Amino acid sequence: MSTVSSTVFWWIIISVCMVMTSRGDTEVSCVLMQKCMLPCSSQDVTQIIIHWFKMSGDIHVHSFYNNKDQHGYQDQRFRDRTSLFKDQISKGNVSLQLAGVKVQDEGRYKCHISTLQGNRDSFINLNVNAPVQKVNIQQTGNQMTCSSEGLYPKPNLTWTTSPPSNMSLQYKTTAQETQQLLYNINSSLMVSERVKDLDYSCTISTHRNRKRATLSRASSVISSYTETTLPCSSSNTSLRKLLWRFNHSQIILTKTGPDAKYTVSERWKQHVRGVSESGSLTLQNLSADQEGTYTCELSDASETITTNIFVKLNQGKIN
């Protein structure tokens, strides 16, 4: 950097302390690992000098003057992650685009603008969110577990039943912070043996979104070897994604949307006869290898309903 440019830069740094700041901060919500824009504008762009700072630690984020980016003083943590909208600067748009948002980026930012008309500061509060992507729910014996990973800020978790029950739900929830400052949440619920006819729902929420997973009452089916239909339906007609699994691991078929065709895995093609509009699965040509637990998952962007069906083949009807 030349002596003249260096002198100009440090003069701007000193002048920041003398500027009257604009009233009120702008709140911006950014999604983890995505791009995010921090808004800032200027009515005058004559010989404009732009400096972006992160207030905690007075971290130098980005600079622009002499009609080009100036990276000499940029903090290493923001290297190759910041940019301005160059074609918009002449129109007064001096917003900063931040790529690959991290939890550590959260905080208060200052947009400092210097032109021939004077100096002006604007402040932006950047809030980071890692939304709930998936809620996992399962039951082993009398214990039901619910979990989700990679969340920020610290999430909340609640259990409910359908129909609503007067009994007190006994559960324990832990939220662990990872090295990446994200949260993994896990909850275990003891299910009463005295109450059989309940569906259990677990809802996990952050500031950004919430998702609910419901485990419907398990059922058993005694089937013939030739053909059987396993029910899968929900009163929520918006649940358009469908997944059938066998013994919790083998994928039988998937359907990604209301207008999509279902896709059957290769090993199950000889056994799948069809799928109803509601999601019920009809199987054929069964053997003892197909005895076990079948799981139906109906889902949309905010909810997943899981139903487990144990299939036992009728030994007296072997063809």
Protein backbone atom coordinates (compact mmCIF):
# COMPACT_ATOMS: atom_id res chain seq x y z
CA MET A 1 0.00 0.00 0.00
CA SER A 2 1.38 3.44 -0.93
CA THR A 3 2.24 6.09 1.69
CA VAL A 4 -0.61 8.31 0.48
CA SER A 5 -3.16 5.49 0.63
CA SER A 6 -1.94 4.47 4.08
CA THR A 7 -2.26 8.03 5.36
CA VAL A 8 -5.79 8.31 3.97
CA PHE A 9 -6.77 5.00 5.56
CA TRP A 10 -5.60 5.92 9.06
CA TRP A 11 -7.14 9.40 8.79
CA ILE A 12 -10.46 7.72 8.13
CA ILE A 13 -9.98 5.40 11.12
CA ILE A 14 -9.36 8.38 13.43
CA SER A 15 -12.30 10.32 12.02
CA VAL A 16 -14.70 7.49 12.86
CA CYS A 17 -14.63 8.49 16.53
CA MET A 18 -15.80 11.99 15.64
CA VAL A 19 -18.83 11.08 13.52
CA MET A 20 -22.42 11.41 14.67
CA THR A 21 -24.04 7.99 14.18
CA SER A 22 -27.43 7.46 12.59
CA ARG A 23 -30.29 6.48 14.92
CA GLY A 24 -31.30 2.86 15.27
CA ASP A 25 -29.65 -0.38 14.20
CA THR A 26 -30.77 -2.55 11.31
CA GLU A 27 -31.48 -6.16 12.27
CA VAL A 28 -30.36 -8.83 9.80
CA SER A 29 -30.93 -12.57 10.13
CA CYS A 30 -28.43 -14.82 8.34
CA VAL A 31 -28.53 -18.58 7.79
CA LEU A 32 -25.46 -20.61 8.68
CA MET A 33 -23.08 -21.30 5.74
CA GLN A 34 -25.19 -19.26 3.31
CA LYS A 35 -24.66 -15.80 1.81
CA CYS A 36 -25.99 -12.80 3.67
CA MET A 37 -26.31 -9.11 2.85
CA LEU A 38 -25.67 -6.35 5.37
CA PRO A 39 -27.50 -3.28 4.01
CA CYS A 40 -25.94 0.17 3.80
CA SER A 41 -26.49 3.12 1.48
CA SER A 42 -25.18 6.60 0.73
CA GLN A 43 -26.86 9.50 -1.06
CA ASP A 44 -23.50 10.97 -2.05
CA VAL A 45 -20.90 8.77 -3.75
CA THR A 46 -18.39 11.43 -4.80
CA GLN A 47 -14.88 10.11 -4.01
CA ILE A 48 -16.52 7.64 -1.68
CA ILE A 49 -14.55 5.71 0.93
CA ILE A 50 -16.22 2.68 2.50
CA HIS A 51 -15.13 0.82 5.62
CA TRP A 52 -16.94 -2.10 7.23
CA PHE A 53 -16.09 -3.06 10.82
CA LYS A 54 -17.25 -5.68 13.30
CA MET A 55 -17.66 -3.75 16.53
CA SER A 56 -16.58 -6.44 19.00
CA GLY A 57 -12.80 -6.26 18.84
CA ASP A 58 -12.92 -3.45 16.24
CA ILE A 59 -12.34 -6.02 13.49
CA HIS A 60 -11.68 -4.68 10.00
CA VAL A 61 -14.05 -6.52 7.66
CA HIS A 62 -13.83 -4.76 4.27
CA SER A 63 -12.63 -1.51 2.70
CA PHE A 64 -13.18 0.22 -0.62
CA TYR A 65 -11.54 3.43 -1.81
CA ASN A 66 -9.72 4.72 -4.89
CA ASN A 67 -12.47 2.89 -6.83
CA LYS A 68 -11.33 -0.57 -5.76
CA ASP A 69 -11.33 -3.03 -2.87
CA GLN A 70 -8.53 -2.60 -0.35
CA HIS A 71 -7.60 -5.82 1.44
CA GLY A 72 -4.41 -4.72 3.17
CA TYR A 73 -6.02 -4.31 6.60
CA GLN A 74 -8.75 -6.95 6.28
CA ASP A 75 -8.97 -9.39 9.17
CA GLN A 76 -7.97 -12.92 8.19
CA ARG A 77 -11.30 -14.30 9.43
CA PHE A 78 -13.10 -12.46 6.62
CA ARG A 79 -10.59 -13.11 3.85
CA ASP A 80 -12.24 -14.23 0.59
CA ARG A 81 -15.71 -14.01 2.18
CA THR A 82 -16.69 -10.37 1.64
CA SER A 83 -17.68 -8.35 -1.41
CA LEU A 84 -19.51 -5.20 -2.43
CA PHE A 85 -21.97 -4.79 -5.28
CA LYS A 86 -19.55 -2.89 -7.52
CA ASP A 87 -22.11 -2.03 -10.19
CA GLN A 88 -24.38 -0.55 -7.50
CA ILE A 89 -21.93 1.69 -5.64
CA SER A 90 -22.47 4.56 -8.10
CA LYS A 91 -26.19 4.32 -7.27
CA GLY A 92 -25.54 4.56 -3.54
CA ASN A 93 -25.69 0.86 -2.65
CA VAL A 94 -22.67 0.09 -0.45
CA SER A 95 -24.12 -3.06 1.14
CA LEU A 96 -21.74 -5.83 2.16
CA GLN A 97 -22.23 -9.41 1.04
CA LEU A 98 -20.84 -12.00 3.43
CA ALA A 99 -20.41 -15.59 2.23
CA GLY A 100 -20.21 -18.80 4.25
CA VAL A 101 -21.77 -17.29 7.38
CA LYS A 102 -20.38 -18.66 10.65
CA VAL A 103 -21.68 -18.47 14.20
CA GLN A 104 -18.63 -16.35 15.01
CA ASP A 105 -19.86 -13.71 12.52
CA GLU A 106 -22.77 -12.84 14.81
CA GLY A 107 -22.61 -9.34 16.27
CA ARG A 108 -22.83 -5.63 15.58
CA TYR A 109 -21.30 -4.19 12.41
CA LYS A 110 -20.54 -0.63 11.39
CA CYS A 111 -20.72 0.73 7.85
CA HIS A 112 -18.56 3.87 7.73
CA ILE A 113 -18.92 6.10 4.66
CA SER A 114 -16.78 9.13 3.85
CA THR A 115 -17.52 11.46 0.90
CA LEU A 116 -16.94 15.10 0.03
CA GLN A 117 -20.11 15.91 1.96
CA GLY A 118 -18.80 14.35 5.18
CA ASN A 119 -18.85 11.12 7.15
CA ARG A 120 -21.71 8.87 8.21
CA ASP A 121 -22.02 5.64 10.19
CA SER A 122 -24.73 3.01 10.04
CA PHE A 123 -25.00 0.01 12.36
CA ILE A 124 -26.25 -3.47 11.58
CA ASN A 125 -26.90 -6.32 14.01
CA LEU A 126 -26.15 -9.66 12.36
CA ASN A 127 -27.99 -12.61 13.90
CA VAL A 128 -26.97 -16.12 12.86
CA ASN A 129 -29.46 -18.96 12.60
CA ALA A 130 -28.90 -22.65 11.97
CA PRO A 131 -32.51 -23.81 11.51
CA VAL A 132 -33.94 -27.20 12.36
CA GLN A 133 -33.42 -29.49 9.37
CA LYS A 134 -34.72 -32.79 10.72
CA VAL A 135 -36.24 -34.12 13.93
CA ASN A 136 -35.52 -37.77 14.71
CA ILE A 137 -38.01 -39.66 16.88
CA GLN A 138 -38.00 -43.32 17.84
CA GLN A 139 -39.12 -45.70 20.57
CA THR A 140 -37.31 -48.58 22.27
CA GLY A 141 -39.39 -50.38 24.86
CA ASN A 142 -40.96 -47.79 27.15
CA GLN A 143 -38.46 -45.08 26.24
CA MET A 144 -39.02 -42.59 23.44
CA THR A 145 -36.19 -40.37 22.17
CA CYS A 146 -36.17 -37.18 20.11
CA SER A 147 -33.11 -35.44 18.71
CA SER A 148 -31.75 -32.94 16.21
CA GLU A 149 -28.25 -31.68 15.36
CA GLY A 150 -26.40 -28.59 14.18
CA LEU A 151 -28.74 -25.90 15.54
CA TYR A 152 -28.22 -22.25 16.51
CA PRO A 153 -29.10 -20.46 18.69
CA LYS A 154 -29.85 -22.86 21.55
CA PRO A 155 -33.10 -24.65 20.63
CA ASN A 156 -36.21 -25.47 22.63
CA LEU A 157 -37.85 -28.91 22.78
CA THR A 158 -41.36 -29.86 23.89
CA TRP A 159 -43.37 -33.10 24.03
CA THR A 160 -47.12 -33.37 23.44
CA THR A 161 -49.65 -36.14 22.92
CA SER A 162 -52.63 -36.68 20.64
CA PRO A 163 -55.26 -36.77 21.90
CA PRO A 164 -54.16 -34.47 24.75
CA SER A 165 -53.55 -36.32 28.00
CA ASN A 166 -53.95 -35.24 31.62
CA MET A 167 -50.91 -37.22 32.69
CA SER A 168 -47.63 -35.43 33.32
CA LEU A 169 -44.99 -36.25 30.71
CA GLN A 170 -41.70 -37.24 32.35
CA TYR A 171 -38.76 -36.40 30.14
CA LYS A 172 -35.16 -35.19 30.27
CA THR A 173 -33.63 -32.88 27.68
CA THR A 174 -29.98 -31.98 27.11
CA ALA A 175 -28.49 -29.51 24.63
CA GLN A 176 -24.76 -29.85 24.00
CA GLU A 177 -22.63 -27.17 22.36
CA THR A 178 -20.20 -28.39 19.70
CA GLN A 179 -16.76 -27.04 18.79
CA GLN A 180 -18.47 -25.15 15.95
CA LEU A 181 -20.68 -23.42 18.58
CA LEU A 182 -23.75 -25.26 17.28
CA TYR A 183 -26.16 -27.23 19.45
CA ASN A 184 -27.16 -30.89 19.40
CA ILE A 185 -30.33 -31.52 21.38
CA ASN A 186 -31.60 -34.83 22.73
CA SER A 187 -34.60 -35.72 24.87
CA SER A 188 -35.83 -39.00 26.35
CA LEU A 189 -39.42 -39.61 27.45
CA MET A 190 -40.70 -42.49 29.55
CA VAL A 191 -43.96 -43.84 28.11
CA SER A 192 -46.60 -45.09 30.52
CA GLU A 193 -47.68 -48.69 30.01
CA ARG A 194 -51.13 -47.81 31.33
CA VAL A 195 -51.89 -45.45 28.43
CA LYS A 196 -51.81 -47.19 25.06
CA ASP A 197 -53.83 -45.10 22.63
CA LEU A 198 -51.64 -42.01 22.31
CA ASP A 199 -49.55 -40.51 19.54
CA TYR A 200 -46.44 -38.70 20.82
CA SER A 201 -45.08 -35.54 19.19
CA CYS A 202 -41.75 -33.81 19.71
CA THR A 203 -41.33 -30.19 18.57
CA ILE A 204 -37.89 -28.58 18.26
CA SER A 205 -37.70 -24.84 17.59
CA THR A 206 -35.17 -22.06 17.12
CA HIS A 207 -35.71 -18.37 16.34
CA ARG A 208 -35.76 -19.27 12.65
CA ASN A 209 -38.17 -22.19 12.45
CA ARG A 210 -39.70 -25.18 14.15
CA LYS A 211 -40.27 -28.78 13.17
CA ARG A 212 -42.41 -31.48 14.69
CA ALA A 213 -42.05 -35.25 14.55
CA THR A 214 -44.91 -37.52 15.59
CA LEU A 215 -44.69 -41.21 16.36
CA SER A 216 -48.09 -42.79 15.84
CA ARG A 217 -49.29 -45.82 17.75
CA ALA A 218 -47.58 -48.98 16.55
CA SER A 219 -49.69 -51.76 15.12
CA SER A 220 -49.33 -55.38 14.03
CA VAL A 221 -50.47 -57.11 10.87
CA ILE A 222 -50.78 -60.84 10.24
CA SER A 223 -50.31 -61.24 6.53
CA SER A 224 -50.50 -63.88 3.84
CA TYR A 225 -47.47 -64.62 1.69
CA THR A 226 -49.25 -63.55 -1.47
CA GLU A 227 -50.32 -60.00 -0.71
CA THR A 228 -50.85 -57.50 2.11
CA THR A 229 -51.58 -53.78 2.42
CA LEU A 230 -49.93 -51.69 5.13
CA PRO A 231 -51.88 -48.53 6.03
CA CYS A 232 -50.25 -45.10 6.06
CA SER A 233 -52.36 -41.96 6.25
CA SER A 234 -52.68 -38.65 8.05
CA SER A 235 -55.38 -36.08 8.71
CA ASN A 236 -52.82 -33.48 7.59
CA THR A 237 -53.21 -33.58 3.81
CA SER A 238 -50.22 -31.26 3.28
CA LEU A 239 -47.82 -34.09 4.11
CA ARG A 240 -46.71 -34.89 0.58
CA LYS A 241 -43.34 -36.59 0.98
CA LEU A 242 -43.41 -40.35 1.57
CA LEU A 243 -40.78 -42.80 2.77
CA TRP A 244 -41.22 -46.51 3.54
CA ARG A 245 -38.46 -48.43 5.34
CA PHE A 246 -37.97 -52.00 6.51
CA ASN A 247 -36.45 -52.75 9.93
CA HIS A 248 -35.55 -49.05 10.29
CA SER A 249 -32.69 -49.17 7.77
CA GLN A 250 -33.67 -50.60 4.38
CA ILE A 251 -35.39 -48.06 2.14
CA ILE A 252 -38.33 -49.63 0.32
CA LEU A 253 -39.56 -46.62 -1.62
CA THR A 254 -39.62 -42.82 -1.67
CA LYS A 255 -41.89 -40.15 -3.08
CA THR A 256 -40.64 -36.57 -3.03
CA GLY A 257 -43.85 -34.64 -3.69
CA PRO A 258 -47.55 -34.75 -4.59
CA ASP A 259 -46.92 -34.86 -8.33
CA ALA A 260 -43.83 -37.06 -8.20
CA LYS A 261 -43.77 -40.77 -8.97
CA TYR A 262 -42.64 -43.11 -6.24
CA THR A 263 -39.23 -44.74 -6.60
CA VAL A 264 -38.75 -48.33 -5.41
CA SER A 265 -35.32 -49.62 -4.39
CA GLU A 266 -33.97 -52.46 -6.52
CA ARG A 267 -34.17 -55.15 -3.84
CA TRP A 268 -37.86 -54.42 -3.18
CA LYS A 269 -39.17 -54.15 -6.75
CA GLN A 270 -40.42 -57.75 -6.79
CA HIS A 271 -42.33 -57.19 -3.54
CA VAL A 272 -43.96 -53.76 -4.11
CA ARG A 273 -47.23 -53.99 -5.96
CA GLY A 274 -48.33 -50.40 -5.51
CA VAL A 275 -48.87 -47.33 -3.32
CA SER A 276 -52.20 -45.62 -2.69
CA GLU A 277 -52.71 -41.87 -2.89
CA SER A 278 -52.70 -41.68 0.91
CA GLY A 279 -49.42 -43.59 1.12
CA SER A 280 -50.55 -47.12 2.00
CA LEU A 281 -48.19 -49.79 0.70
CA THR A 282 -49.29 -53.02 -0.99
CA LEU A 283 -46.74 -55.86 -0.93
CA GLN A 284 -46.69 -59.18 -2.77
CA ASN A 285 -44.63 -62.38 -3.13
CA LEU A 286 -43.49 -62.32 0.49
CA SER A 287 -41.27 -64.75 2.37
CA ALA A 288 -39.98 -65.08 5.92
CA ASP A 289 -37.25 -62.58 5.01
CA GLN A 290 -39.91 -59.87 4.79
CA GLU A 291 -41.19 -60.39 8.34
CA GLY A 292 -40.33 -57.45 10.56
CA THR A 293 -41.03 -53.77 11.20
CA TYR A 294 -42.22 -51.52 8.38
CA THR A 295 -42.02 -47.77 8.89
CA CYS A 296 -44.02 -45.15 7.02
CA GLU A 297 -42.94 -41.49 7.12
CA LEU A 298 -45.20 -38.74 5.79
CA SER A 299 -43.67 -35.27 5.86
CA ASP A 300 -43.62 -31.68 4.66
CA ALA A 301 -41.33 -28.76 5.47
CA SER A 302 -42.41 -28.54 9.12
CA GLU A 303 -43.79 -31.91 10.18
CA THR A 304 -43.05 -35.63 9.97
CA ILE A 305 -45.46 -38.39 11.03
CA THR A 306 -43.96 -41.84 11.57
CA THR A 307 -45.94 -45.06 11.84
CA ASN A 308 -44.43 -48.47 12.67
CA ILE A 309 -46.18 -51.67 11.62
CA PHE A 310 -44.95 -55.12 12.62
CA VAL A 311 -45.71 -57.70 9.95
CA LYS A 312 -46.01 -61.39 10.84
CA LEU A 313 -46.67 -63.83 8.02
CA ASN A 314 -49.40 -66.42 8.47
CA GLN A 315 -47.57 -69.73 8.33
CA GLY A 316 -50.73 -71.55 7.32
CA LYS A 317 -51.02 -69.71 3.99
CA ILE A 318 -47.79 -70.53 2.22
CA ASN A 319 -48.32 -70.84 -1.52
